[in-house]
Amino acid sequence: FIKQGGLILVDNFLLRGMVVDRHIQSKNRRKMQARVDAFNQHIASSEM
C-alpha cells in the first residue's frame, strides 16, 4: 500500500542490543531475537 518511490521505516532493529546477544536465557526473547535478525538479514540481502 506504499507508492513506488515511497519509504518504509522500521524502528528498533537492534532490540537494545539483544539482536546480537548470544547469552539470552528466555525462550521467548530468543524467539523474538531470531525473528528480528531474520527480518534484518532478509532486507539486507534483498535487492531493495
ModelCIF file with pLDDT and N, C-alpha, C, O atoms, coordinates in Angstrom:
data_MODEL
#
_entry.id   MODEL 
#
_entity.id                         1 
_entity.type                       polymer 
_entity.pdbx_number_of_molecules   1 
#
_entity_poly.entity_id                      1 
_entity_poly.type                           'polypeptide(L)' 
_entity_poly.nstd_linkage                   no 
_entity_poly.nstd_monomer                   no 
_entity_poly.pdbx_seq_one_letter_code       FIKQGGLILVDNFLLRGMVVDRHIQSKNRRKMQARVDAFNQHIASSEM 
_entity_poly.pdbx_seq_one_letter_code_can   FIKQGGLILVDNFLLRGMVVDRHIQSKNRRKMQARVDAFNQHIASSEM 
_entity_poly.pdbx_strand_id                 A 
#
loop_
_entity_poly_seq.entity_id 
_entity_poly_seq.num 
_entity_poly_seq.mon_id 
_entity_poly_seq.hetero 
1 1  PHE n 
1 2  ILE n 
1 3  LYS n 
1 4  GLN n 
1 5  GLY n 
1 6  GLY n 
1 7  LEU n 
1 8  ILE n 
1 9  LEU n 
1 10 VAL n 
1 11 ASP n 
1 12 ASN n 
1 13 PHE n 
1 14 LEU n 
1 15 LEU n 
1 16 ARG n 
1 17 GLY n 
1 18 MET n 
1 19 VAL n 
1 20 VAL n 
1 21 ASP n 
1 22 ARG n 
1 23 HIS n 
1 24 ILE n 
1 25 GLN n 
1 26 SER n 
1 27 LYS n 
1 28 ASN n 
1 29 ARG n 
1 30 ARG n 
1 31 LYS n 
1 32 MET n 
1 33 GLN n 
1 34 ALA n 
1 35 ARG n 
1 36 VAL n 
1 37 ASP n 
1 38 ALA n 
1 39 PHE n 
1 40 ASN n 
1 41 GLN n 
1 42 HIS n 
1 43 ILE n 
1 44 ALA n 
1 45 SER n 
1 46 SER n 
1 47 GLU n 
1 48 MET n 
#
_struct_asym.id          A 
_struct_asym.entity_id   1 
#
loop_
_ma_qa_metric.id 
_ma_qa_metric.mode 
_ma_qa_metric.name 
_ma_qa_metric.software_group_id 
_ma_qa_metric.type 
1 global pLDDT . pLDDT 
2 local  pLDDT . pLDDT 
#
_ma_qa_metric_global.metric_id      1 
_ma_qa_metric_global.metric_value   91.88 
_ma_qa_metric_global.model_id       1 
_ma_qa_metric_global.ordinal_id     1 
#
loop_
_ma_qa_metric_local.label_asym_id 
_ma_qa_metric_local.label_comp_id 
_ma_qa_metric_local.label_seq_id 
_ma_qa_metric_local.metric_id 
_ma_qa_metric_local.metric_value 
_ma_qa_metric_local.model_id 
_ma_qa_metric_local.ordinal_id 
A PHE 1  2 97.00 1 1  
A ILE 2  2 97.00 1 2  
A LYS 3  2 96.00 1 3  
A GLN 4  2 95.00 1 4  
A GLY 5  2 94.00 1 5  
A GLY 6  2 97.00 1 6  
A LEU 7  2 97.00 1 7  
A ILE 8  2 98.00 1 8  
A LEU 9  2 98.00 1 9  
A VAL 10 2 98.00 1 10 
A ASP 11 2 98.00 1 11 
A ASN 12 2 95.00 1 12 
A PHE 13 2 95.00 1 13 
A LEU 14 2 94.00 1 14 
A LEU 15 2 91.00 1 15 
A ARG 16 2 88.00 1 16 
A GLY 17 2 85.00 1 17 
A MET 18 2 86.00 1 18 
A VAL 19 2 90.00 1 19 
A VAL 20 2 88.00 1 20 
A ASP 21 2 84.00 1 21 
A ARG 22 2 84.00 1 22 
A HIS 23 2 85.00 1 23 
A ILE 24 2 86.00 1 24 
A GLN 25 2 82.00 1 25 
A SER 26 2 85.00 1 26 
A LYS 27 2 83.00 1 27 
A ASN 28 2 86.00 1 28 
A ARG 29 2 86.00 1 29 
A ARG 30 2 88.00 1 30 
A LYS 31 2 91.00 1 31 
A MET 32 2 87.00 1 32 
A GLN 33 2 92.00 1 33 
A ALA 34 2 92.00 1 34 
A ARG 35 2 94.00 1 35 
A VAL 36 2 94.00 1 36 
A ASP 37 2 94.00 1 37 
A ALA 38 2 96.00 1 38 
A PHE 39 2 96.00 1 39 
A ASN 40 2 96.00 1 40 
A GLN 41 2 96.00 1 41 
A HIS 42 2 96.00 1 42 
A ILE 43 2 96.00 1 43 
A ALA 44 2 95.00 1 44 
A SER 45 2 94.00 1 45 
A SER 46 2 93.00 1 46 
A GLU 47 2 91.00 1 47 
A MET 48 2 91.00 1 48 
#
loop_
_atom_site.group_PDB 
_atom_site.id 
_atom_site.type_symbol 
_atom_site.label_atom_id 
_atom_site.label_alt_id 
_atom_site.label_comp_id 
_atom_site.label_asym_id 
_atom_site.label_entity_id 
_atom_site.label_seq_id 
_atom_site.pdbx_PDB_ins_code 
_atom_site.Cartn_x 
_atom_site.Cartn_y 
_atom_site.Cartn_z 
_atom_site.occupancy 
_atom_site.B_iso_or_equiv 
_atom_site.pdbx_formal_charge 
_atom_site.auth_seq_id 
_atom_site.auth_comp_id 
_atom_site.auth_asym_id 
_atom_site.auth_atom_id 
_atom_site.pdbx_PDB_model_num 
ATOM 1   N N  . PHE A 1 1  ? 0.814  -1.213  0.000  1.00 97.00 ? 1  PHE A N  1 
ATOM 2   C CA . PHE A 1 1  ? 0.000  0.000   0.000  1.00 97.00 ? 1  PHE A CA 1 
ATOM 3   C C  . PHE A 1 1  ? 0.852  1.270   0.000  1.00 97.00 ? 1  PHE A C  1 
ATOM 4   O O  . PHE A 1 1  ? 0.338  2.379   0.147  1.00 97.00 ? 1  PHE A O  1 
ATOM 5   N N  . ILE A 1 2  ? 2.164  1.087   -0.168 1.00 97.00 ? 2  ILE A N  1 
ATOM 6   C CA . ILE A 1 2  ? 3.080  2.216   -0.260 1.00 97.00 ? 2  ILE A CA 1 
ATOM 7   C C  . ILE A 1 2  ? 3.400  2.457   -1.730 1.00 97.00 ? 2  ILE A C  1 
ATOM 8   O O  . ILE A 1 2  ? 3.654  1.515   -2.480 1.00 97.00 ? 2  ILE A O  1 
ATOM 9   N N  . LYS A 1 3  ? 3.387  3.705   -2.130 1.00 96.00 ? 3  LYS A N  1 
ATOM 10  C CA . LYS A 1 3  ? 3.609  4.046   -3.539 1.00 96.00 ? 3  LYS A CA 1 
ATOM 11  C C  . LYS A 1 3  ? 5.029  3.696   -3.974 1.00 96.00 ? 3  LYS A C  1 
ATOM 12  O O  . LYS A 1 3  ? 5.933  3.592   -3.145 1.00 96.00 ? 3  LYS A O  1 
ATOM 13  N N  . GLN A 1 4  ? 5.216  3.517   -5.267 1.00 95.00 ? 4  GLN A N  1 
ATOM 14  C CA . GLN A 1 4  ? 6.566  3.359   -5.797 1.00 95.00 ? 4  GLN A CA 1 
ATOM 15  C C  . GLN A 1 4  ? 7.351  4.641   -5.530 1.00 95.00 ? 4  GLN A C  1 
ATOM 16  O O  . GLN A 1 4  ? 6.867  5.743   -5.792 1.00 95.00 ? 4  GLN A O  1 
ATOM 17  N N  . GLY A 1 5  ? 8.552  4.488   -5.014 1.00 94.00 ? 5  GLY A N  1 
ATOM 18  C CA . GLY A 1 5  ? 9.347  5.633   -4.627 1.00 94.00 ? 5  GLY A CA 1 
ATOM 19  C C  . GLY A 1 5  ? 9.116  6.070   -3.198 1.00 94.00 ? 5  GLY A C  1 
ATOM 20  O O  . GLY A 1 5  ? 9.752  7.006   -2.715 1.00 94.00 ? 5  GLY A O  1 
ATOM 21  N N  . GLY A 1 6  ? 8.195  5.384   -2.517 1.00 97.00 ? 6  GLY A N  1 
ATOM 22  C CA . GLY A 1 6  ? 7.905  5.710   -1.125 1.00 97.00 ? 6  GLY A CA 1 
ATOM 23  C C  . GLY A 1 6  ? 8.918  5.101   -0.175 1.00 97.00 ? 6  GLY A C  1 
ATOM 24  O O  . GLY A 1 6  ? 9.854  4.416   -0.588 1.00 97.00 ? 6  GLY A O  1 
ATOM 25  N N  . LEU A 1 7  ? 8.710  5.370   1.121  1.00 97.00 ? 7  LEU A N  1 
ATOM 26  C CA . LEU A 1 7  ? 9.634  4.903   2.152  1.00 97.00 ? 7  LEU A CA 1 
ATOM 27  C C  . LEU A 1 7  ? 8.957  3.934   3.099  1.00 97.00 ? 7  LEU A C  1 
ATOM 28  O O  . LEU A 1 7  ? 7.757  4.021   3.361  1.00 97.00 ? 7  LEU A O  1 
ATOM 29  N N  . ILE A 1 8  ? 9.767  3.000   3.611  1.00 98.00 ? 8  ILE A N  1 
ATOM 30  C CA . ILE A 1 8  ? 9.335  2.098   4.684  1.00 98.00 ? 8  ILE A CA 1 
ATOM 31  C C  . ILE A 1 8  ? 10.384 2.203   5.780  1.00 98.00 ? 8  ILE A C  1 
ATOM 32  O O  . ILE A 1 8  ? 11.557 1.906   5.554  1.00 98.00 ? 8  ILE A O  1 
ATOM 33  N N  . LEU A 1 9  ? 9.962  2.624   6.970  1.00 98.00 ? 9  LEU A N  1 
ATOM 34  C CA . LEU A 1 9  ? 10.867 2.772   8.105  1.00 98.00 ? 9  LEU A CA 1 
ATOM 35  C C  . LEU A 1 9  ? 10.471 1.790   9.202  1.00 98.00 ? 9  LEU A C  1 
ATOM 36  O O  . LEU A 1 9  ? 9.290  1.599   9.491  1.00 98.00 ? 9  LEU A O  1 
ATOM 37  N N  . VAL A 1 10 ? 11.475 1.179   9.800  1.00 98.00 ? 10 VAL A N  1 
ATOM 38  C CA . VAL A 1 10 ? 11.255 0.206   10.874 1.00 98.00 ? 10 VAL A CA 1 
ATOM 39  C C  . VAL A 1 10 ? 12.126 0.592   12.060 1.00 98.00 ? 10 VAL A C  1 
ATOM 40  O O  . VAL A 1 10 ? 13.341 0.737   11.926 1.00 98.00 ? 10 VAL A O  1 
ATOM 41  N N  . ASP A 1 11 ? 11.496 0.760   13.230 1.00 98.00 ? 11 ASP A N  1 
ATOM 42  C CA . ASP A 1 11 ? 12.247 1.159   14.413 1.00 98.00 ? 11 ASP A CA 1 
ATOM 43  C C  . ASP A 1 11 ? 12.664 -0.061  15.229 1.00 98.00 ? 11 ASP A C  1 
ATOM 44  O O  . ASP A 1 11 ? 12.049 -1.124  15.144 1.00 98.00 ? 11 ASP A O  1 
ATOM 45  N N  . ASN A 1 12 ? 13.721 0.114   16.020 1.00 95.00 ? 12 ASN A N  1 
ATOM 46  C CA . ASN A 1 12 ? 14.187 -0.882  16.995 1.00 95.00 ? 12 ASN A CA 1 
ATOM 47  C C  . ASN A 1 12 ? 14.778 -2.150  16.384 1.00 95.00 ? 12 ASN A C  1 
ATOM 48  O O  . ASN A 1 12 ? 14.601 -3.234  16.941 1.00 95.00 ? 12 ASN A O  1 
ATOM 49  N N  . PHE A 1 13 ? 15.472 -2.041  15.260 1.00 95.00 ? 13 PHE A N  1 
ATOM 50  C CA . PHE A 1 13 ? 16.030 -3.270  14.692 1.00 95.00 ? 13 PHE A CA 1 
ATOM 51  C C  . PHE A 1 13 ? 17.194 -3.822  15.518 1.00 95.00 ? 13 PHE A C  1 
ATOM 52  O O  . PHE A 1 13 ? 17.654 -4.938  15.278 1.00 95.00 ? 13 PHE A O  1 
ATOM 53  N N  . LEU A 1 14 ? 17.671 -3.035  16.494 1.00 94.00 ? 14 LEU A N  1 
ATOM 54  C CA . LEU A 1 14 ? 18.759 -3.508  17.363 1.00 94.00 ? 14 LEU A CA 1 
ATOM 55  C C  . LEU A 1 14 ? 18.271 -4.166  18.653 1.00 94.00 ? 14 LEU A C  1 
ATOM 56  O O  . LEU A 1 14 ? 19.042 -4.842  19.335 1.00 94.00 ? 14 LEU A O  1 
ATOM 57  N N  . LEU A 1 15 ? 16.999 -3.972  18.989 1.00 91.00 ? 15 LEU A N  1 
ATOM 58  C CA . LEU A 1 15 ? 16.425 -4.573  20.206 1.00 91.00 ? 15 LEU A CA 1 
ATOM 59  C C  . LEU A 1 15 ? 17.254 -4.260  21.462 1.00 91.00 ? 15 LEU A C  1 
ATOM 60  O O  . LEU A 1 15 ? 17.480 -5.130  22.303 1.00 91.00 ? 15 LEU A O  1 
ATOM 61  N N  . ARG A 1 16 ? 17.700 -3.005  21.571 1.00 88.00 ? 16 ARG A N  1 
ATOM 62  C CA . ARG A 1 16 ? 18.536 -2.591  22.707 1.00 88.00 ? 16 ARG A CA 1 
ATOM 63  C C  . ARG A 1 16 ? 19.774 -3.483  22.865 1.00 88.00 ? 16 ARG A C  1 
ATOM 64  O O  . ARG A 1 16 ? 20.228 -3.755  23.976 1.00 88.00 ? 16 ARG A O  1 
ATOM 65  N N  . GLY A 1 17 ? 20.299 -3.926  21.729 1.00 85.00 ? 17 GLY A N  1 
ATOM 66  C CA . GLY A 1 17 ? 21.488 -4.762  21.731 1.00 85.00 ? 17 GLY A CA 1 
ATOM 67  C C  . GLY A 1 17 ? 21.203 -6.252  21.793 1.00 85.00 ? 17 GLY A C  1 
ATOM 68  O O  . GLY A 1 17 ? 22.104 -7.069  21.603 1.00 85.00 ? 17 GLY A O  1 
ATOM 69  N N  . MET A 1 18 ? 19.953 -6.607  22.057 1.00 86.00 ? 18 MET A N  1 
ATOM 70  C CA . MET A 1 18 ? 19.604 -8.017  22.214 1.00 86.00 ? 18 MET A CA 1 
ATOM 71  C C  . MET A 1 18 ? 19.740 -8.795  20.910 1.00 86.00 ? 18 MET A C  1 
ATOM 72  O O  . MET A 1 18 ? 19.887 -10.017 20.935 1.00 86.00 ? 18 MET A O  1 
ATOM 73  N N  . VAL A 1 19 ? 19.695 -8.101  19.769 1.00 90.00 ? 19 VAL A N  1 
ATOM 74  C CA . VAL A 1 19 ? 19.749 -8.793  18.488 1.00 90.00 ? 19 VAL A CA 1 
ATOM 75  C C  . VAL A 1 19 ? 21.082 -9.513  18.283 1.00 90.00 ? 19 VAL A C  1 
ATOM 76  O O  . VAL A 1 19 ? 21.155 -10.447 17.484 1.00 90.00 ? 19 VAL A O  1 
ATOM 77  N N  . VAL A 1 20 ? 22.146 -9.094  18.994 1.00 88.00 ? 20 VAL A N  1 
ATOM 78  C CA . VAL A 1 20 ? 23.444 -9.769  18.866 1.00 88.00 ? 20 VAL A CA 1 
ATOM 79  C C  . VAL A 1 20 ? 23.865 -10.469 20.166 1.00 88.00 ? 20 VAL A C  1 
ATOM 80  O O  . VAL A 1 20 ? 25.000 -10.933 20.282 1.00 88.00 ? 20 VAL A O  1 
ATOM 81  N N  . ASP A 1 21 ? 22.971 -10.542 21.118 1.00 84.00 ? 21 ASP A N  1 
ATOM 82  C CA . ASP A 1 21 ? 23.280 -11.176 22.401 1.00 84.00 ? 21 ASP A CA 1 
ATOM 83  C C  . ASP A 1 21 ? 23.111 -12.692 22.272 1.00 84.00 ? 21 ASP A C  1 
ATOM 84  O O  . ASP A 1 21 ? 22.009 -13.176 22.014 1.00 84.00 ? 21 ASP A O  1 
ATOM 85  N N  . ARG A 1 22 ? 24.183 -13.422 22.447 1.00 84.00 ? 22 ARG A N  1 
ATOM 86  C CA . ARG A 1 22 ? 24.143 -14.891 22.308 1.00 84.00 ? 22 ARG A CA 1 
ATOM 87  C C  . ARG A 1 22 ? 23.998 -15.591 23.659 1.00 84.00 ? 22 ARG A C  1 
ATOM 88  O O  . ARG A 1 22 ? 24.201 -16.802 23.753 1.00 84.00 ? 22 ARG A O  1 
ATOM 89  N N  . HIS A 1 23 ? 23.654 -14.852 24.687 1.00 85.00 ? 23 HIS A N  1 
ATOM 90  C CA . HIS A 1 23 ? 23.533 -15.449 26.024 1.00 85.00 ? 23 HIS A CA 1 
ATOM 91  C C  . HIS A 1 23 ? 22.143 -15.251 26.616 1.00 85.00 ? 23 HIS A C  1 
ATOM 92  O O  . HIS A 1 23 ? 21.983 -15.234 27.837 1.00 85.00 ? 23 HIS A O  1 
ATOM 93  N N  . ILE A 1 24 ? 21.155 -15.105 25.772 1.00 86.00 ? 24 ILE A N  1 
ATOM 94  C CA . ILE A 1 24 ? 19.783 -14.909 26.238 1.00 86.00 ? 24 ILE A CA 1 
ATOM 95  C C  . ILE A 1 24 ? 19.228 -16.230 26.775 1.00 86.00 ? 24 ILE A C  1 
ATOM 96  O O  . ILE A 1 24 ? 19.303 -17.262 26.108 1.00 86.00 ? 24 ILE A O  1 
ATOM 97  N N  . GLN A 1 25 ? 18.678 -16.184 27.972 1.00 82.00 ? 25 GLN A N  1 
ATOM 98  C CA . GLN A 1 25 ? 18.145 -17.395 28.596 1.00 82.00 ? 25 GLN A CA 1 
ATOM 99  C C  . GLN A 1 25 ? 16.672 -17.618 28.259 1.00 82.00 ? 25 GLN A C  1 
ATOM 100 O O  . GLN A 1 25 ? 16.237 -18.757 28.089 1.00 82.00 ? 25 GLN A O  1 
ATOM 101 N N  . SER A 1 26 ? 15.910 -16.535 28.164 1.00 85.00 ? 26 SER A N  1 
ATOM 102 C CA . SER A 1 26 ? 14.475 -16.636 27.931 1.00 85.00 ? 26 SER A CA 1 
ATOM 103 C C  . SER A 1 26 ? 14.172 -17.184 26.535 1.00 85.00 ? 26 SER A C  1 
ATOM 104 O O  . SER A 1 26 ? 14.688 -16.686 25.534 1.00 85.00 ? 26 SER A O  1 
ATOM 105 N N  . LYS A 1 27 ? 13.336 -18.207 26.487 1.00 83.00 ? 27 LYS A N  1 
ATOM 106 C CA . LYS A 1 27 ? 12.958 -18.807 25.205 1.00 83.00 ? 27 LYS A CA 1 
ATOM 107 C C  . LYS A 1 27 ? 12.204 -17.799 24.335 1.00 83.00 ? 27 LYS A C  1 
ATOM 108 O O  . LYS A 1 27 ? 12.437 -17.717 23.129 1.00 83.00 ? 27 LYS A O  1 
ATOM 109 N N  . ASN A 1 28 ? 11.295 -17.032 24.955 1.00 86.00 ? 28 ASN A N  1 
ATOM 110 C CA . ASN A 1 28 ? 10.524 -16.050 24.191 1.00 86.00 ? 28 ASN A CA 1 
ATOM 111 C C  . ASN A 1 28 ? 11.415 -14.953 23.625 1.00 86.00 ? 28 ASN A C  1 
ATOM 112 O O  . ASN A 1 28 ? 11.210 -14.497 22.500 1.00 86.00 ? 28 ASN A O  1 
ATOM 113 N N  . ARG A 1 29 ? 12.406 -14.531 24.407 1.00 86.00 ? 29 ARG A N  1 
ATOM 114 C CA . ARG A 1 29 ? 13.319 -13.495 23.910 1.00 86.00 ? 29 ARG A CA 1 
ATOM 115 C C  . ARG A 1 29 ? 14.203 -14.019 22.790 1.00 86.00 ? 29 ARG A C  1 
ATOM 116 O O  . ARG A 1 29 ? 14.498 -13.303 21.833 1.00 86.00 ? 29 ARG A O  1 
ATOM 117 N N  . ARG A 1 30 ? 14.627 -15.278 22.915 1.00 88.00 ? 30 ARG A N  1 
ATOM 118 C CA . ARG A 1 30 ? 15.434 -15.880 21.840 1.00 88.00 ? 30 ARG A CA 1 
ATOM 119 C C  . ARG A 1 30 ? 14.617 -15.964 20.548 1.00 88.00 ? 30 ARG A C  1 
ATOM 120 O O  . ARG A 1 30 ? 15.132 -15.750 19.451 1.00 88.00 ? 30 ARG A O  1 
ATOM 121 N N  . LYS A 1 31 ? 13.337 -16.278 20.710 1.00 91.00 ? 31 LYS A N  1 
ATOM 122 C CA . LYS A 1 31 ? 12.459 -16.372 19.539 1.00 91.00 ? 31 LYS A CA 1 
ATOM 123 C C  . LYS A 1 31 ? 12.309 -14.998 18.877 1.00 91.00 ? 31 LYS A C  1 
ATOM 124 O O  . LYS A 1 31 ? 12.381 -14.882 17.654 1.00 91.00 ? 31 LYS A O  1 
ATOM 125 N N  . MET A 1 32 ? 12.102 -13.966 19.689 1.00 87.00 ? 32 MET A N  1 
ATOM 126 C CA . MET A 1 32 ? 11.973 -12.620 19.136 1.00 87.00 ? 32 MET A CA 1 
ATOM 127 C C  . MET A 1 32 ? 13.278 -12.180 18.480 1.00 87.00 ? 32 MET A C  1 
ATOM 128 O O  . MET A 1 32 ? 13.273 -11.586 17.402 1.00 87.00 ? 32 MET A O  1 
ATOM 129 N N  . GLN A 1 33 ? 14.400 -12.480 19.143 1.00 92.00 ? 33 GLN A N  1 
ATOM 130 C CA . GLN A 1 33 ? 15.703 -12.142 18.576 1.00 92.00 ? 33 GLN A CA 1 
ATOM 131 C C  . GLN A 1 33 ? 15.874 -12.780 17.205 1.00 92.00 ? 33 GLN A C  1 
ATOM 132 O O  . GLN A 1 33 ? 16.302 -12.124 16.256 1.00 92.00 ? 33 GLN A O  1 
ATOM 133 N N  . ALA A 1 34 ? 15.542 -14.056 17.107 1.00 92.00 ? 34 ALA A N  1 
ATOM 134 C CA . ALA A 1 34 ? 15.697 -14.782 15.847 1.00 92.00 ? 34 ALA A CA 1 
ATOM 135 C C  . ALA A 1 34 ? 14.821 -14.180 14.749 1.00 92.00 ? 34 ALA A C  1 
ATOM 136 O O  . ALA A 1 34 ? 15.241 -14.073 13.597 1.00 92.00 ? 34 ALA A O  1 
ATOM 137 N N  . ARG A 1 35 ? 13.609 -13.790 15.116 1.00 94.00 ? 35 ARG A N  1 
ATOM 138 C CA . ARG A 1 35 ? 12.688 -13.224 14.122 1.00 94.00 ? 35 ARG A CA 1 
ATOM 139 C C  . ARG A 1 35 ? 13.168 -11.858 13.631 1.00 94.00 ? 35 ARG A C  1 
ATOM 140 O O  . ARG A 1 35 ? 13.130 -11.568 12.435 1.00 94.00 ? 35 ARG A O  1 
ATOM 141 N N  . VAL A 1 36 ? 13.614 -11.035 14.561 1.00 94.00 ? 36 VAL A N  1 
ATOM 142 C CA . VAL A 1 36 ? 14.096 -9.703  14.180 1.00 94.00 ? 36 VAL A CA 1 
ATOM 143 C C  . VAL A 1 36 ? 15.343 -9.829  13.322 1.00 94.00 ? 36 VAL A C  1 
ATOM 144 O O  . VAL A 1 36 ? 15.464 -9.153  12.301 1.00 94.00 ? 36 VAL A O  1 
ATOM 145 N N  . ASP A 1 37 ? 16.280 -10.696 13.729 1.00 94.00 ? 37 ASP A N  1 
ATOM 146 C CA . ASP A 1 37 ? 17.501 -10.881 12.953 1.00 94.00 ? 37 ASP A CA 1 
ATOM 147 C C  . ASP A 1 37 ? 17.181 -11.428 11.566 1.00 94.00 ? 37 ASP A C  1 
ATOM 148 O O  . ASP A 1 37 ? 17.788 -11.015 10.579 1.00 94.00 ? 37 ASP A O  1 
ATOM 149 N N  . ALA A 1 38 ? 16.229 -12.357 11.490 1.00 96.00 ? 38 ALA A N  1 
ATOM 150 C CA . ALA A 1 38 ? 15.856 -12.928 10.190 1.00 96.00 ? 38 ALA A CA 1 
ATOM 151 C C  . ALA A 1 38 ? 15.297 -11.847 9.264  1.00 96.00 ? 38 ALA A C  1 
ATOM 152 O O  . ALA A 1 38 ? 15.602 -11.829 8.071  1.00 96.00 ? 38 ALA A O  1 
ATOM 153 N N  . PHE A 1 39 ? 14.484 -10.953 9.813  1.00 96.00 ? 39 PHE A N  1 
ATOM 154 C CA . PHE A 1 39 ? 13.948 -9.860  9.003  1.00 96.00 ? 39 PHE A CA 1 
ATOM 155 C C  . PHE A 1 39 ? 15.065 -8.922  8.563  1.00 96.00 ? 39 PHE A C  1 
ATOM 156 O O  . PHE A 1 39 ? 15.125 -8.523  7.400  1.00 96.00 ? 39 PHE A O  1 
ATOM 157 N N  . ASN A 1 40 ? 15.947 -8.571  9.491  1.00 96.00 ? 40 ASN A N  1 
ATOM 158 C CA . ASN A 1 40 ? 17.076 -7.704  9.149  1.00 96.00 ? 40 ASN A CA 1 
ATOM 159 C C  . ASN A 1 40 ? 17.911 -8.306  8.023  1.00 96.00 ? 40 ASN A C  1 
ATOM 160 O O  . ASN A 1 40 ? 18.263 -7.621  7.063  1.00 96.00 ? 40 ASN A O  1 
ATOM 161 N N  . GLN A 1 41 ? 18.223 -9.598  8.151  1.00 96.00 ? 41 GLN A N  1 
ATOM 162 C CA . GLN A 1 41 ? 19.037 -10.268 7.134  1.00 96.00 ? 41 GLN A CA 1 
ATOM 163 C C  . GLN A 1 41 ? 18.303 -10.344 5.802  1.00 96.00 ? 41 GLN A C  1 
ATOM 164 O O  . GLN A 1 41 ? 18.908 -10.222 4.737  1.00 96.00 ? 41 GLN A O  1 
ATOM 165 N N  . HIS A 1 42 ? 16.997 -10.545 5.879  1.00 96.00 ? 42 HIS A N  1 
ATOM 166 C CA . HIS A 1 42 ? 16.185 -10.607 4.658  1.00 96.00 ? 42 HIS A CA 1 
ATOM 167 C C  . HIS A 1 42 ? 16.276 -9.283  3.888  1.00 96.00 ? 42 HIS A C  1 
ATOM 168 O O  . HIS A 1 42 ? 16.476 -9.281  2.674  1.00 96.00 ? 42 HIS A O  1 
ATOM 169 N N  . ILE A 1 43 ? 16.131 -8.171  4.594  1.00 96.00 ? 43 ILE A N  1 
ATOM 170 C CA . ILE A 1 43 ? 16.193 -6.861  3.938  1.00 96.00 ? 43 ILE A CA 1 
ATOM 171 C C  . ILE A 1 43 ? 17.606 -6.592  3.435  1.00 96.00 ? 43 ILE A C  1 
ATOM 172 O O  . ILE A 1 43 ? 17.789 -6.116  2.315  1.00 96.00 ? 43 ILE A O  1 
ATOM 173 N N  . ALA A 1 44 ? 18.603 -6.894  4.258  1.00 95.00 ? 44 ALA A N  1 
ATOM 174 C CA . ALA A 1 44 ? 19.997 -6.618  3.880  1.00 95.00 ? 44 ALA A CA 1 
ATOM 175 C C  . ALA A 1 44 ? 20.418 -7.389  2.637  1.00 95.00 ? 44 ALA A C  1 
ATOM 176 O O  . ALA A 1 44 ? 21.203 -6.888  1.832  1.00 95.00 ? 44 ALA A O  1 
ATOM 177 N N  . SER A 1 45 ? 19.901 -8.602  2.476  1.00 94.00 ? 45 SER A N  1 
ATOM 178 C CA . SER A 1 45 ? 20.309 -9.443  1.351  1.00 94.00 ? 45 SER A CA 1 
ATOM 179 C C  . SER A 1 45 ? 19.383 -9.306  0.144  1.00 94.00 ? 45 SER A C  1 
ATOM 180 O O  . SER A 1 45 ? 19.615 -9.925  -0.894 1.00 94.00 ? 45 SER A O  1 
ATOM 181 N N  . SER A 1 46 ? 18.341 -8.500  0.281  1.00 93.00 ? 46 SER A N  1 
ATOM 182 C CA . SER A 1 46 ? 17.402 -8.320  -0.818 1.00 93.00 ? 46 SER A CA 1 
ATOM 183 C C  . SER A 1 46 ? 17.940 -7.317  -1.830 1.00 93.00 ? 46 SER A C  1 
ATOM 184 O O  . SER A 1 46 ? 19.004 -6.734  -1.624 1.00 93.00 ? 46 SER A O  1 
ATOM 185 N N  . GLU A 1 47 ? 17.218 -7.119  -2.907 1.00 91.00 ? 47 GLU A N  1 
ATOM 186 C CA . GLU A 1 47 ? 17.628 -6.168  -3.941 1.00 91.00 ? 47 GLU A CA 1 
ATOM 187 C C  . GLU A 1 47 ? 17.065 -4.772  -3.681 1.00 91.00 ? 47 GLU A C  1 
ATOM 188 O O  . GLU A 1 47 ? 17.220 -3.876  -4.511 1.00 91.00 ? 47 GLU A O  1 
ATOM 189 N N  . MET A 1 48 ? 16.414 -4.586  -2.535 1.00 91.00 ? 48 MET A N  1 
ATOM 190 C CA . MET A 1 48 ? 15.880 -3.278  -2.188 1.00 91.00 ? 48 MET A CA 1 
ATOM 191 C C  . MET A 1 48 ? 16.973 -2.363  -1.660 1.00 91.00 ? 48 MET A C  1 
ATOM 192 O O  . MET A 1 48 ? 16.702 -1.212  -1.317 1.00 91.00 ? 48 MET A O  1 
#
